[in-house]
Amino acid sequence: MHEYHAVESLIRQLLEKARESNTKSVSQVRLALGELSDFTENSIQLYFQEFSKGTVLQNASLLIVRMKAKLLCKECGAVFEKNKESFECPVCKSMNLLVESGREFYILDMELEV
């Protein structure tokens, strides 16, 4: 359900950019979505379709690009992609980590028809 407000905000941003570009329609929108994000692709797609009805975004395809999580080990300083099985540092085996990336949810780009 938290996708509702995030996608609503995203649609406002896209419509503003489209208005500034005097576009007649948008053919594609690409979004970055981090693997640690709580958002689900199905909900994003559903809300995107709903909120874009009757706008220049109505016929746009939505492409969601999954972003890998990167972690920083606070013990040894290693930066690494999250392992599927654990969050353990592959260098020193520490679990004392910071998330560098992986929670993304933003617009990468959109294709306009001007």
N, C-alpha and C. Protein backbone atom coordinates (compact mmCIF):
# COMPACT_ATOMS: atom_id res chain seq x y z
N MET A 1 0.81 -1.20 0.00
CA MET A 1 0.00 0.00 0.00
C MET A 1 0.85 1.26 0.00
N HIS A 2 2.07 1.20 0.55
CA HIS A 2 2.91 2.39 0.58
C HIS A 2 3.38 2.79 -0.82
N GLU A 3 3.22 1.88 -1.80
CA GLU A 3 3.53 2.22 -3.18
C GLU A 3 2.57 3.28 -3.71
N TYR A 4 1.36 3.30 -3.20
CA TYR A 4 0.32 4.22 -3.66
C TYR A 4 0.84 5.66 -3.68
N HIS A 5 1.31 6.15 -2.55
CA HIS A 5 1.76 7.54 -2.46
C HIS A 5 3.06 7.77 -3.22
N ALA A 6 3.94 6.79 -3.22
CA ALA A 6 5.21 6.93 -3.94
C ALA A 6 4.96 7.04 -5.45
N VAL A 7 4.08 6.20 -5.98
CA VAL A 7 3.79 6.23 -7.41
C VAL A 7 2.99 7.48 -7.75
N GLU A 8 2.11 7.89 -6.87
CA GLU A 8 1.36 9.13 -7.09
C GLU A 8 2.32 10.32 -7.22
N SER A 9 3.30 10.39 -6.36
CA SER A 9 4.31 11.45 -6.42
C SER A 9 5.15 11.33 -7.69
N LEU A 10 5.51 10.13 -8.03
CA LEU A 10 6.29 9.89 -9.23
C LEU A 10 5.52 10.36 -10.48
N ILE A 11 4.25 10.07 -10.55
CA ILE A 11 3.41 10.49 -11.68
C ILE A 11 3.37 12.02 -11.76
N ARG A 12 3.25 12.69 -10.63
CA ARG A 12 3.26 14.17 -10.63
C ARG A 12 4.56 14.69 -11.21
N GLN A 13 5.69 14.09 -10.82
CA GLN A 13 6.99 14.51 -11.35
C GLN A 13 7.09 14.28 -12.85
N LEU A 14 6.64 13.12 -13.30
CA LEU A 14 6.68 12.80 -14.73
C LEU A 14 5.80 13.75 -15.54
N LEU A 15 4.62 14.04 -15.02
CA LEU A 15 3.71 14.95 -15.72
C LEU A 15 4.29 16.36 -15.79
N GLU A 16 4.96 16.79 -14.74
CA GLU A 16 5.60 18.10 -14.74
C GLU A 16 6.70 18.16 -15.80
N LYS A 17 7.54 17.14 -15.86
CA LYS A 17 8.61 17.08 -16.87
C LYS A 17 8.02 17.05 -18.27
N ALA A 18 6.96 16.29 -18.47
CA ALA A 18 6.31 16.21 -19.78
C ALA A 18 5.72 17.57 -20.17
N ARG A 19 5.12 18.26 -19.21
CA ARG A 19 4.54 19.58 -19.47
C ARG A 19 5.64 20.56 -19.86
N GLU A 20 6.76 20.54 -19.13
CA GLU A 20 7.88 21.43 -19.43
C GLU A 20 8.46 21.18 -20.82
N SER A 21 8.33 19.95 -21.31
CA SER A 21 8.87 19.58 -22.62
C SER A 21 7.85 19.70 -23.75
N ASN A 22 6.65 20.15 -23.41
CA ASN A 22 5.56 20.27 -24.40
C ASN A 22 5.34 18.97 -25.17
N THR A 23 5.36 17.86 -24.48
CA THR A 23 5.20 16.57 -25.15
C THR A 23 3.73 16.22 -25.34
N LYS A 24 3.46 15.51 -26.41
CA LYS A 24 2.10 15.04 -26.68
C LYS A 24 1.83 13.70 -26.00
N SER A 25 2.89 12.92 -25.86
CA SER A 25 2.75 11.64 -25.15
C SER A 25 4.13 11.13 -24.72
N VAL A 26 4.09 10.20 -23.80
CA VAL A 26 5.30 9.55 -23.30
C VAL A 26 5.21 8.09 -23.72
N SER A 27 6.27 7.57 -24.35
CA SER A 27 6.22 6.19 -24.82
C SER A 27 6.78 5.19 -23.81
N GLN A 28 7.74 5.64 -23.00
CA GLN A 28 8.33 4.73 -22.02
C GLN A 28 8.87 5.50 -20.83
N VAL A 29 8.75 4.87 -19.66
CA VAL A 29 9.31 5.40 -18.42
C VAL A 29 10.16 4.28 -17.82
N ARG A 30 11.39 4.63 -17.42
CA ARG A 30 12.26 3.65 -16.74
C ARG A 30 12.48 4.11 -15.32
N LEU A 31 12.24 3.20 -14.38
CA LEU A 31 12.42 3.47 -12.96
C LEU A 31 13.51 2.60 -12.38
N ALA A 32 14.26 3.16 -11.44
CA ALA A 32 15.23 2.37 -10.67
C ALA A 32 14.53 1.88 -9.41
N LEU A 33 14.70 0.61 -9.10
CA LEU A 33 14.12 0.01 -7.90
C LEU A 33 15.17 -0.86 -7.23
N GLY A 34 15.60 -0.45 -6.05
CA GLY A 34 16.62 -1.19 -5.32
C GLY A 34 16.10 -2.50 -4.77
N GLU A 35 16.99 -3.50 -4.74
CA GLU A 35 16.57 -4.83 -4.29
C GLU A 35 16.21 -4.86 -2.80
N LEU A 36 16.61 -3.85 -2.04
CA LEU A 36 16.24 -3.79 -0.62
C LEU A 36 15.00 -2.94 -0.38
N SER A 37 14.46 -2.38 -1.45
CA SER A 37 13.25 -1.58 -1.34
C SER A 37 12.08 -2.46 -0.91
N ASP A 38 11.16 -1.88 -0.19
CA ASP A 38 9.97 -2.61 0.24
C ASP A 38 8.90 -2.63 -0.85
N PHE A 39 9.12 -1.92 -1.94
CA PHE A 39 8.12 -1.82 -3.00
C PHE A 39 8.09 -3.09 -3.84
N THR A 40 6.90 -3.43 -4.32
CA THR A 40 6.74 -4.58 -5.21
C THR A 40 6.47 -4.08 -6.62
N GLU A 41 7.06 -4.76 -7.59
CA GLU A 41 6.91 -4.35 -8.99
C GLU A 41 5.45 -4.39 -9.43
N ASN A 42 4.71 -5.40 -9.00
CA ASN A 42 3.30 -5.52 -9.40
C ASN A 42 2.48 -4.32 -8.92
N SER A 43 2.69 -3.90 -7.68
CA SER A 43 1.96 -2.75 -7.16
C SER A 43 2.34 -1.47 -7.89
N ILE A 44 3.63 -1.31 -8.17
CA ILE A 44 4.08 -0.13 -8.90
C ILE A 44 3.42 -0.08 -10.27
N GLN A 45 3.42 -1.22 -10.97
CA GLN A 45 2.79 -1.29 -12.31
C GLN A 45 1.30 -0.96 -12.22
N LEU A 46 0.63 -1.54 -11.25
CA LEU A 46 -0.81 -1.32 -11.08
C LEU A 46 -1.13 0.16 -10.84
N TYR A 47 -0.43 0.77 -9.88
CA TYR A 47 -0.68 2.18 -9.58
C TYR A 47 -0.26 3.09 -10.72
N PHE A 48 0.81 2.74 -11.42
CA PHE A 48 1.24 3.53 -12.57
C PHE A 48 0.13 3.55 -13.62
N GLN A 49 -0.43 2.39 -13.93
CA GLN A 49 -1.51 2.32 -14.92
C GLN A 49 -2.72 3.13 -14.46
N GLU A 50 -3.05 3.02 -13.19
CA GLU A 50 -4.23 3.73 -12.66
C GLU A 50 -4.05 5.24 -12.69
N PHE A 51 -2.91 5.71 -12.18
CA PHE A 51 -2.68 7.16 -12.09
C PHE A 51 -2.40 7.81 -13.44
N SER A 52 -1.97 7.03 -14.42
CA SER A 52 -1.63 7.62 -15.71
C SER A 52 -2.83 7.72 -16.66
N LYS A 53 -3.95 7.12 -16.30
CA LYS A 53 -5.14 7.18 -17.15
C LYS A 53 -5.53 8.63 -17.43
N GLY A 54 -5.79 8.90 -18.72
CA GLY A 54 -6.23 10.23 -19.12
C GLY A 54 -5.11 11.27 -19.19
N THR A 55 -3.86 10.84 -19.09
CA THR A 55 -2.72 11.76 -19.15
C THR A 55 -1.81 11.38 -20.31
N VAL A 56 -0.77 12.18 -20.53
CA VAL A 56 0.21 11.87 -21.57
C VAL A 56 0.99 10.58 -21.27
N LEU A 57 0.84 10.07 -20.06
CA LEU A 57 1.51 8.84 -19.65
C LEU A 57 0.67 7.59 -19.91
N GLN A 58 -0.56 7.78 -20.32
CA GLN A 58 -1.52 6.67 -20.40
C GLN A 58 -1.01 5.47 -21.20
N ASN A 59 -0.35 5.69 -22.31
CA ASN A 59 0.10 4.57 -23.15
C ASN A 59 1.58 4.24 -22.96
N ALA A 60 2.20 4.84 -21.98
CA ALA A 60 3.63 4.60 -21.75
C ALA A 60 3.86 3.22 -21.14
N SER A 61 4.91 2.57 -21.62
CA SER A 61 5.31 1.32 -20.98
C SER A 61 6.20 1.69 -19.79
N LEU A 62 6.09 0.92 -18.75
CA LEU A 62 6.87 1.15 -17.53
C LEU A 62 7.89 0.03 -17.41
N LEU A 63 9.15 0.40 -17.44
CA LEU A 63 10.24 -0.55 -17.31
C LEU A 63 10.91 -0.33 -15.96
N ILE A 64 10.93 -1.36 -15.14
CA ILE A 64 11.53 -1.27 -13.81
C ILE A 64 12.90 -1.94 -13.85
N VAL A 65 13.93 -1.15 -13.55
CA VAL A 65 15.31 -1.64 -13.57
C VAL A 65 15.71 -1.93 -12.13
N ARG A 66 15.98 -3.19 -11.85
CA ARG A 66 16.37 -3.60 -10.49
C ARG A 66 17.82 -3.21 -10.22
N MET A 67 18.05 -2.57 -9.08
CA MET A 67 19.38 -2.12 -8.69
C MET A 67 19.89 -3.03 -7.57
N LYS A 68 21.10 -3.52 -7.74
CA LYS A 68 21.72 -4.39 -6.74
C LYS A 68 22.04 -3.60 -5.47
N ALA A 69 21.97 -4.26 -4.35
CA ALA A 69 22.33 -3.65 -3.07
C ALA A 69 23.85 -3.68 -2.91
N LYS A 70 24.41 -2.57 -2.48
CA LYS A 70 25.84 -2.50 -2.16
C LYS A 70 25.97 -2.16 -0.68
N LEU A 71 26.85 -2.88 -0.03
CA LEU A 71 27.06 -2.73 1.40
C LEU A 71 28.49 -2.30 1.69
N LEU A 72 28.67 -1.57 2.77
CA LEU A 72 29.99 -1.14 3.22
C LEU A 72 30.26 -1.77 4.58
N CYS A 73 31.37 -2.48 4.67
CA CYS A 73 31.76 -3.10 5.93
C CYS A 73 32.42 -2.04 6.81
N LYS A 74 31.88 -1.83 8.00
CA LYS A 74 32.43 -0.84 8.92
C LYS A 74 33.71 -1.32 9.59
N GLU A 75 34.00 -2.61 9.48
CA GLU A 75 35.20 -3.17 10.10
C GLU A 75 36.41 -3.05 9.18
N CYS A 76 36.28 -3.49 7.93
CA CYS A 76 37.45 -3.51 7.03
C CYS A 76 37.35 -2.52 5.87
N GLY A 77 36.18 -1.88 5.71
CA GLY A 77 36.03 -0.89 4.64
C GLY A 77 35.66 -1.44 3.28
N ALA A 78 35.47 -2.74 3.17
CA ALA A 78 35.11 -3.35 1.88
C ALA A 78 33.71 -2.90 1.45
N VAL A 79 33.57 -2.63 0.16
CA VAL A 79 32.26 -2.35 -0.43
C VAL A 79 31.97 -3.54 -1.35
N PHE A 80 30.77 -4.11 -1.20
CA PHE A 80 30.45 -5.32 -1.96
C PHE A 80 28.96 -5.40 -2.22
N GLU A 81 28.60 -6.18 -3.25
CA GLU A 81 27.19 -6.44 -3.53
C GLU A 81 26.68 -7.47 -2.54
N LYS A 82 25.46 -7.28 -2.12
CA LYS A 82 24.84 -8.19 -1.16
C LYS A 82 24.80 -9.61 -1.73
N ASN A 83 25.21 -10.53 -0.91
CA ASN A 83 25.14 -11.95 -1.24
C ASN A 83 23.70 -12.41 -1.03
N LYS A 84 23.21 -13.28 -1.88
CA LYS A 84 21.83 -13.76 -1.77
C LYS A 84 21.56 -14.50 -0.47
N GLU A 85 22.56 -15.15 0.07
CA GLU A 85 22.37 -15.97 1.27
C GLU A 85 22.54 -15.19 2.57
N SER A 86 23.38 -14.13 2.56
CA SER A 86 23.62 -13.42 3.83
C SER A 86 24.08 -11.99 3.59
N PHE A 87 24.17 -11.26 4.67
CA PHE A 87 24.66 -9.90 4.65
C PHE A 87 26.11 -9.84 5.15
N GLU A 88 26.76 -10.95 5.28
CA GLU A 88 28.11 -11.03 5.84
C GLU A 88 29.15 -10.47 4.87
N CYS A 89 30.12 -9.72 5.40
CA CYS A 89 31.22 -9.20 4.60
C CYS A 89 32.03 -10.37 4.04
N PRO A 90 32.26 -10.41 2.74
CA PRO A 90 33.03 -11.52 2.17
C PRO A 90 34.53 -11.46 2.50
N VAL A 91 35.00 -10.30 2.98
CA VAL A 91 36.42 -10.14 3.28
C VAL A 91 36.73 -10.56 4.71
N CYS A 92 36.00 -9.95 5.68
CA CYS A 92 36.34 -10.20 7.09
C CYS A 92 35.24 -10.94 7.87
N LYS A 93 34.13 -11.23 7.19
CA LYS A 93 33.00 -11.97 7.77
C LYS A 93 32.20 -11.17 8.81
N SER A 94 32.46 -9.88 8.91
CA SER A 94 31.74 -9.03 9.86
C SER A 94 30.29 -8.83 9.40
N MET A 95 29.42 -8.57 10.35
CA MET A 95 28.03 -8.22 10.06
C MET A 95 27.78 -6.75 10.39
N ASN A 96 28.83 -6.01 10.68
CA ASN A 96 28.76 -4.59 11.02
C ASN A 96 28.82 -3.79 9.71
N LEU A 97 27.65 -3.61 9.09
CA LEU A 97 27.58 -3.09 7.73
C LEU A 97 26.68 -1.86 7.63
N LEU A 98 26.95 -1.06 6.62
CA LEU A 98 26.08 0.05 6.24
C LEU A 98 25.58 -0.20 4.83
N VAL A 99 24.34 0.18 4.57
CA VAL A 99 23.78 0.04 3.22
C VAL A 99 24.24 1.26 2.41
N GLU A 100 24.98 1.01 1.34
CA GLU A 100 25.43 2.07 0.43
C GLU A 100 24.37 2.35 -0.63
N SER A 101 23.75 1.31 -1.14
CA SER A 101 22.68 1.44 -2.14
C SER A 101 21.83 0.18 -2.10
N GLY A 102 20.65 0.29 -2.70
CA GLY A 102 19.75 -0.86 -2.73
C GLY A 102 18.33 -0.52 -2.33
N ARG A 103 18.12 0.74 -1.90
CA ARG A 103 16.77 1.18 -1.51
C ARG A 103 16.19 2.18 -2.51
N GLU A 104 16.79 2.23 -3.70
CA GLU A 104 16.40 3.23 -4.69
C GLU A 104 14.95 3.08 -5.15
N PHE A 105 14.38 4.21 -5.48
CA PHE A 105 13.10 4.29 -6.18
C PHE A 105 13.07 5.68 -6.80
N TYR A 106 13.47 5.74 -8.06
CA TYR A 106 13.50 7.03 -8.74
C TYR A 106 13.40 6.85 -10.25
N ILE A 107 13.15 7.96 -10.94
CA ILE A 107 13.02 7.97 -12.38
C ILE A 107 14.42 7.94 -13.00
N LEU A 108 14.67 6.99 -13.87
CA LEU A 108 15.92 6.97 -14.62
C LEU A 108 15.79 7.87 -15.85
N ASP A 109 14.74 7.62 -16.63
CA ASP A 109 14.48 8.47 -17.81
C ASP A 109 13.12 8.17 -18.35
N MET A 110 12.71 8.98 -19.35
CA MET A 110 11.46 8.72 -20.05
C MET A 110 11.61 9.14 -21.50
N GLU A 111 10.96 8.41 -22.38
CA GLU A 111 10.99 8.71 -23.80
C GLU A 111 9.75 9.52 -24.14
N LEU A 112 10.00 10.70 -24.72
CA LEU A 112 8.92 11.62 -25.05
C LEU A 112 8.66 11.63 -26.55
N GLU A 113 7.43 11.87 -26.90
CA GLU A 113 7.06 12.12 -28.29
C GLU A 113 6.62 13.58 -28.37
N VAL A 114 7.48 14.39 -28.95
CA VAL A 114 7.22 15.84 -29.01
C VAL A 114 6.60 16.28 -30.31
